Amino acid sequence: MTGHVYPHGADRPRIDPTAFIAPGARIVGEVTIGPRASIWFN
């Protein structure tokens, strides 16, 4: 997994280990990313 993952207060992202996070993408707060998902930058 690459990219930037940030908590927001007590909320933390939950990311399945099979998910792809593109370099430059930012994941913030209470987010759930499931199996084989892909997240790309904007």
C-alpha atoms as a PDB file:
ATOM      1  CA  MET A   1       0.000   0.000   0.000  1.00  0.00           C
ATOM      2  CA  THR A   2       1.271   3.439  -0.880  1.00  0.00           C
ATOM      3  CA  GLY A   3      -0.150   6.917  -0.544  1.00  0.00           C
ATOM      4  CA  HIS A   4      -0.850   8.961   2.547  1.00  0.00           C
ATOM      5  CA  VAL A   5      -3.130   7.635   5.279  1.00  0.00           C
ATOM      6  CA  TYR A   6      -4.141  10.007   8.085  1.00  0.00           C
ATOM      7  CA  PRO A   7      -6.338   9.709  11.163  1.00  0.00           C
ATOM      8  CA  HIS A   8      -8.773  12.522  11.966  1.00  0.00           C
ATOM      9  CA  GLY A   9      -9.109  12.771  15.719  1.00  0.00           C
ATOM     10  CA  ALA A  10      -9.996   9.284  16.931  1.00  0.00           C
ATOM     11  CA  ASP A  11     -11.184   8.198  13.467  1.00  0.00           C
ATOM     12  CA  ARG A  12      -8.757   6.067  11.492  1.00  0.00           C
ATOM     13  CA  PRO A  13      -8.973   4.601   7.995  1.00  0.00           C
ATOM     14  CA  ARG A  14      -9.482   0.828   7.705  1.00  0.00           C
ATOM     15  CA  ILE A  15      -7.858  -0.461   4.546  1.00  0.00           C
ATOM     16  CA  ASP A  16      -7.902  -4.044   3.330  1.00  0.00           C
ATOM     17  CA  PRO A  17      -4.346  -5.242   2.599  1.00  0.00           C
ATOM     18  CA  THR A  18      -5.349  -6.183  -0.969  1.00  0.00           C
ATOM     19  CA  ALA A  19      -6.486  -2.623  -1.776  1.00  0.00           C
ATOM     20  CA  PHE A  20      -4.351  -0.404  -4.015  1.00  0.00           C
ATOM     21  CA  ILE A  21      -3.708   3.181  -2.890  1.00  0.00           C
ATOM     22  CA  ALA A  22      -2.016   5.239  -5.601  1.00  0.00           C
ATOM     23  CA  PRO A  23       1.013   7.364  -4.738  1.00  0.00           C
ATOM     24  CA  GLY A  24      -0.266  10.880  -4.114  1.00  0.00           C
ATOM     25  CA  ALA A  25      -3.697   9.732  -2.889  1.00  0.00           C
ATOM     26  CA  ARG A  26      -4.757  10.826   0.581  1.00  0.00           C
ATOM     27  CA  ILE A  27      -7.050   8.796   2.828  1.00  0.00           C
ATOM     28  CA  VAL A  28      -8.341  10.748   5.834  1.00  0.00           C
ATOM     29  CA  GLY A  29     -10.581   9.903   8.772  1.00  0.00           C
ATOM     30  CA  GLU A  30     -13.292   7.270   9.145  1.00  0.00           C
ATOM     31  CA  VAL A  31     -12.922   5.460   5.824  1.00  0.00           C
ATOM     32  CA  THR A  32     -13.331   1.763   5.055  1.00  0.00           C
ATOM     33  CA  ILE A  33     -11.684   0.471   1.876  1.00  0.00           C
ATOM     34  CA  GLY A  34     -12.614  -3.084   0.971  1.00  0.00           C
ATOM     35  CA  PRO A  35     -10.832  -5.966  -0.730  1.00  0.00           C
ATOM     36  CA  ARG A  36      -9.295  -5.314  -4.154  1.00  0.00           C
ATOM     37  CA  ALA A  37     -10.459  -1.676  -4.181  1.00  0.00           C
ATOM     38  CA  SER A  38      -8.324   0.930  -5.918  1.00  0.00           C
ATOM     39  CA  ILE A  39      -7.967   4.548  -4.827  1.00  0.00           C
ATOM     40  CA  TRP A  40      -6.438   7.058  -7.225  1.00  0.00           C
ATOM     41  CA  PHE A  41      -5.245  10.623  -6.757  1.00  0.00           C
ATOM     42  CA  ASN A  42      -7.187  13.591  -8.086  1.00  0.00           C
END
